[in-house]
């Protein structure tokens, strides 16, 4: 199954493995609405658990959008939001040339 390992997908954060699994099941289940609703409920619970675990809400939304659509544009947004979240403002006291 060599061709299925990497299809040019963007990497998701390690904490999103449950979300990745649930969205995969939704794509595979197709027309069975009861099973799809079950996984949507599980996704909501997982998003709430992550938000309570102090994961940035904006990153959760972007990752879920990418996992739902699997579009490259949404994958690039994950990287952009992660970079913005990791940047911090640095405060300097006094003269910076000292």
Protein backbone atom coordinates (compact mmCIF):
# COMPACT_ATOMS: atom_id res chain seq x y z
CA UNK A 1 0.00 0.00 0.00
CA UNK A 2 2.81 2.32 -0.82
CA UNK A 3 0.69 4.87 -2.68
CA UNK A 4 -1.59 5.58 0.24
CA UNK A 5 1.06 6.57 2.76
CA UNK A 6 1.63 10.14 1.58
CA UNK A 7 -0.64 11.85 -0.93
CA UNK A 8 0.80 15.33 -0.66
CA UNK A 9 -1.27 16.12 2.40
CA UNK A 10 -0.26 18.78 4.86
CA UNK A 11 0.75 17.54 8.30
CA UNK A 12 -1.67 18.16 11.13
CA UNK A 13 -0.61 18.74 14.74
CA UNK A 14 -0.08 15.68 16.93
CA UNK A 15 -3.05 16.58 19.14
CA UNK A 16 -5.40 16.25 16.13
CA UNK A 17 -5.08 12.47 15.65
CA UNK A 18 -8.60 11.80 16.98
CA UNK A 19 -10.07 14.50 14.74
CA UNK A 20 -8.22 13.07 11.74
CA UNK A 21 -9.68 9.64 12.51
CA UNK A 22 -13.24 10.95 12.90
CA UNK A 23 -13.17 12.96 9.65
CA UNK A 24 -11.78 9.93 7.82
CA UNK A 25 -14.75 7.88 9.04
CA UNK A 26 -17.15 10.58 7.83
CA UNK A 27 -15.60 10.52 4.35
CA UNK A 28 -15.74 6.71 4.20
CA UNK A 29 -19.26 6.23 5.58
CA UNK A 30 -20.82 8.09 2.69
CA UNK A 31 -24.61 7.94 2.82
CA UNK A 32 -25.23 6.34 6.22
CA UNK A 33 -26.54 9.41 8.05
CA UNK A 34 -26.73 7.81 11.48
CA UNK A 35 -23.04 6.90 11.49
CA UNK A 36 -22.08 10.33 10.17
CA UNK A 37 -24.06 12.04 12.95
CA UNK A 38 -22.29 9.84 15.49
CA UNK A 39 -18.89 11.00 14.26
CA UNK A 40 -19.98 14.65 14.12
CA UNK A 41 -20.98 14.35 17.78
CA UNK A 42 -17.59 12.82 18.58
CA UNK A 43 -15.89 15.69 16.75
CA UNK A 44 -17.79 18.24 18.83
CA UNK A 45 -16.75 16.49 22.04
CA UNK A 46 -13.12 16.38 20.90
CA UNK A 47 -13.12 20.07 19.97
CA UNK A 48 -14.52 20.91 23.39
CA UNK A 49 -11.86 18.75 25.08
CA UNK A 50 -9.11 20.51 23.13
CA UNK A 51 -10.50 23.95 23.94
CA UNK A 52 -10.61 23.06 27.61
CA UNK A 53 -7.01 21.89 27.27
CA UNK A 54 -5.97 25.42 26.22
CA UNK A 55 -5.42 24.72 22.53
CA UNK A 56 -5.91 27.91 20.53
CA UNK A 57 -9.48 28.02 19.17
CA UNK A 58 -8.37 29.47 15.83
CA UNK A 59 -5.99 26.57 15.23
CA UNK A 60 -8.72 24.05 16.07
CA UNK A 61 -11.07 25.64 13.54
CA UNK A 62 -8.42 25.72 10.79
CA UNK A 63 -7.40 22.10 11.38
CA UNK A 64 -11.04 20.95 11.29
CA UNK A 65 -11.64 22.89 8.10
CA UNK A 66 -8.66 21.21 6.47
CA UNK A 67 -9.66 17.73 7.63
CA UNK A 68 -13.19 18.25 6.33
CA UNK A 69 -12.20 19.54 2.88
CA UNK A 70 -8.64 18.19 2.41
CA UNK A 71 -7.91 21.18 0.14
CA UNK A 72 -4.34 22.42 -0.15
CA UNK A 73 -5.40 26.02 0.54
CA UNK A 74 -6.78 25.00 3.93
CA UNK A 75 -3.61 23.00 4.58
CA UNK A 76 -1.46 26.06 4.01
CA UNK A 77 -3.64 28.00 6.45
CA UNK A 78 -2.68 25.54 9.19
CA UNK A 79 0.96 26.50 8.73
CA UNK A 80 0.22 30.23 8.65
CA UNK A 81 -1.92 30.15 11.81
CA UNK A 82 0.67 28.01 13.61
CA UNK A 83 3.41 30.52 12.77
CA UNK A 84 1.30 33.44 13.98
CA UNK A 85 0.47 31.61 17.20
CA UNK A 86 4.12 30.88 17.94
CA UNK A 87 5.21 34.50 17.51
CA UNK A 88 5.40 36.42 20.75
CA UNK A 89 5.81 40.08 21.50
CA UNK A 90 9.11 40.90 23.16
CA UNK A 91 9.25 43.79 25.59
CA UNK A 92 12.45 45.75 26.09
CA UNK A 93 13.00 47.86 29.16
CA UNK A 94 15.24 50.87 28.84
CA UNK A 95 17.74 51.42 26.08
CA UNK A 96 18.16 48.46 23.74
CA UNK A 97 21.72 49.44 22.82
CA UNK A 98 23.15 48.79 26.26
